Amino acid sequence: MQHTLALIAVLALVGLHQDFWLWDDPRLVLGFLPSGLAYHAAYSVVTAGLWALIVRYAWPAGLDEADRSTVGSEERAQ
C-alpha cells in the first residue's frame, strides 16, 4: 500500500511540474520573484519533503541489511 501511495504522489508531482498555467503570468511574488520561479521553488521544497517521506516509510526493508552484510564480508576478505 505504501508503495502505491508513493507512486501516486510521484506521478502527481510529475503532472504538477508542467506549470503551463504560469507561463504568461506577469505577477511578482514578494515584489521581486516571478510567479513561475516562486512556483518552482515551492515545488522543489514539496518534492524534497515527499522524497524524505518515501525514504522513511516506503524504503524496501531488506535493502540495508543486505548491503551491511556485503560490506562486512568484503572487509574481512581483505
C-alpha atoms as a PDB file:
ATOM      1  CA  MET A   1       0.000   0.000   0.000  1.00  0.00           C
ATOM      2  CA  GLN A   2       2.834   2.416   0.846  1.00  0.00           C
ATOM      3  CA  HIS A   3       4.499   1.829  -2.498  1.00  0.00           C
ATOM      4  CA  THR A   4       1.247   2.512  -4.336  1.00  0.00           C
ATOM      5  CA  LEU A   5       0.717   5.778  -2.464  1.00  0.00           C
ATOM      6  CA  ALA A   6       4.312   6.797  -3.151  1.00  0.00           C
ATOM      7  CA  LEU A   7       3.865   6.084  -6.857  1.00  0.00           C
ATOM      8  CA  ILE A   8       0.632   8.089  -6.999  1.00  0.00           C
ATOM      9  CA  ALA A   9       2.288  11.022  -5.202  1.00  0.00           C
ATOM     10  CA  VAL A  10       5.287  10.969  -7.550  1.00  0.00           C
ATOM     11  CA  LEU A  11       3.024  10.839 -10.615  1.00  0.00           C
ATOM     12  CA  ALA A  12       1.016  13.774  -9.225  1.00  0.00           C
ATOM     13  CA  LEU A  13       4.235  15.762  -8.824  1.00  0.00           C
ATOM     14  CA  VAL A  14       5.276  14.887 -12.370  1.00  0.00           C
ATOM     15  CA  GLY A  15       1.983  16.341 -13.582  1.00  0.00           C
ATOM     16  CA  LEU A  16       2.314  19.437 -11.394  1.00  0.00           C
ATOM     17  CA  HIS A  17       5.813  20.059 -12.718  1.00  0.00           C
ATOM     18  CA  GLN A  18       4.313  21.114 -16.053  1.00  0.00           C
ATOM     19  CA  ASP A  19       3.189  24.557 -14.875  1.00  0.00           C
ATOM     20  CA  PHE A  20       1.807  25.793 -18.186  1.00  0.00           C
ATOM     21  CA  TRP A  21      -0.707  27.977 -16.335  1.00  0.00           C
ATOM     22  CA  LEU A  22       2.098  30.300 -15.150  1.00  0.00           C
ATOM     23  CA  TRP A  23       3.936  30.813 -18.443  1.00  0.00           C
ATOM     24  CA  ASP A  24       2.281  34.143 -19.236  1.00  0.00           C
ATOM     25  CA  ASP A  25       1.685  35.332 -15.666  1.00  0.00           C
ATOM     26  CA  PRO A  26       3.427  38.711 -15.178  1.00  0.00           C
ATOM     27  CA  ARG A  27       2.824  38.877 -11.388  1.00  0.00           C
ATOM     28  CA  LEU A  28       5.674  39.047  -8.911  1.00  0.00           C
ATOM     29  CA  VAL A  29       5.704  37.175  -5.608  1.00  0.00           C
ATOM     30  CA  LEU A  30       7.075  39.177  -2.670  1.00  0.00           C
ATOM     31  CA  GLY A  31       7.582  42.050  -5.079  1.00  0.00           C
ATOM     32  CA  PHE A  32      10.591  40.605  -6.939  1.00  0.00           C
ATOM     33  CA  LEU A  33      10.151  36.897  -7.709  1.00  0.00           C
ATOM     34  CA  PRO A  34       8.378  35.884 -10.932  1.00  0.00           C
ATOM     35  CA  SER A  35       5.398  33.633 -10.211  1.00  0.00           C
ATOM     36  CA  GLY A  36       6.813  30.739 -12.241  1.00  0.00           C
ATOM     37  CA  LEU A  37      10.082  30.819 -10.310  1.00  0.00           C
ATOM     38  CA  ALA A  38       8.241  31.040  -6.990  1.00  0.00           C
ATOM     39  CA  TYR A  39       6.116  28.071  -8.027  1.00  0.00           C
ATOM     40  CA  HIS A  40       9.198  26.006  -8.830  1.00  0.00           C
ATOM     41  CA  ALA A  41      10.876  26.999  -5.560  1.00  0.00           C
ATOM     42  CA  ALA A  42       7.826  25.770  -3.631  1.00  0.00           C
ATOM     43  CA  TYR A  43       7.627  22.715  -5.898  1.00  0.00           C
ATOM     44  CA  SER A  44      11.232  21.838  -5.038  1.00  0.00           C
ATOM     45  CA  VAL A  45      10.553  22.047  -1.301  1.00  0.00           C
ATOM     46  CA  VAL A  46       7.450  19.854  -1.644  1.00  0.00           C
ATOM     47  CA  THR A  47       9.360  17.340  -3.788  1.00  0.00           C
ATOM     48  CA  ALA A  48      12.197  17.132  -1.253  1.00  0.00           C
ATOM     49  CA  GLY A  49       9.654  16.548   1.514  1.00  0.00           C
ATOM     50  CA  LEU A  50       7.942  13.825  -0.492  1.00  0.00           C
ATOM     51  CA  TRP A  51      11.227  12.034  -1.127  1.00  0.00           C
ATOM     52  CA  ALA A  52      12.060  12.227   2.574  1.00  0.00           C
ATOM     53  CA  LEU A  53       8.695  10.609   3.366  1.00  0.00           C
ATOM     54  CA  ILE A  54       9.225   7.930   0.722  1.00  0.00           C
ATOM     55  CA  VAL A  55      12.665   7.094   2.118  1.00  0.00           C
ATOM     56  CA  ARG A  56      11.246   6.989   5.649  1.00  0.00           C
ATOM     57  CA  TYR A  57       8.105   4.952   5.043  1.00  0.00           C
ATOM     58  CA  ALA A  58       8.410   3.111   1.709  1.00  0.00           C
ATOM     59  CA  TRP A  59      12.072   2.101   1.610  1.00  0.00           C
ATOM     60  CA  PRO A  60      12.484  -1.660   0.982  1.00  0.00           C
ATOM     61  CA  ALA A  61      13.029  -3.436   4.300  1.00  0.00           C
ATOM     62  CA  GLY A  62      15.865  -5.824   3.443  1.00  0.00           C
ATOM     63  CA  LEU A  63      17.892  -3.473   1.296  1.00  0.00           C
ATOM     64  CA  ASP A  64      20.053  -2.004   4.061  1.00  0.00           C
ATOM     65  CA  GLU A  65      20.665  -5.312   5.833  1.00  0.00           C
ATOM     66  CA  ALA A  66      21.894  -6.954   2.619  1.00  0.00           C
ATOM     67  CA  ASP A  67      24.260  -4.045   1.984  1.00  0.00           C
ATOM     68  CA  ARG A  68      25.672  -4.166   5.517  1.00  0.00           C
ATOM     69  CA  SER A  69      26.360  -7.891   5.331  1.00  0.00           C
ATOM     70  CA  THR A  70      28.133  -7.474   1.985  1.00  0.00           C
ATOM     71  CA  VAL A  71      30.336  -4.646   3.275  1.00  0.00           C
ATOM     72  CA  GLY A  72      31.298  -6.637   6.340  1.00  0.00           C
ATOM     73  CA  SER A  73      32.290  -9.726   4.359  1.00  0.00           C
ATOM     74  CA  GLU A  74      34.315  -7.635   1.891  1.00  0.00           C
ATOM     75  CA  GLU A  75      36.249  -6.007   4.725  1.00  0.00           C
ATOM     76  CA  ARG A  76      37.033  -9.410   6.262  1.00  0.00           C
ATOM     77  CA  ALA A  77      38.235 -10.768   2.901  1.00  0.00           C
ATOM     78  CA  GLN A  78      40.851  -8.033   2.579  1.00  0.00           C
END
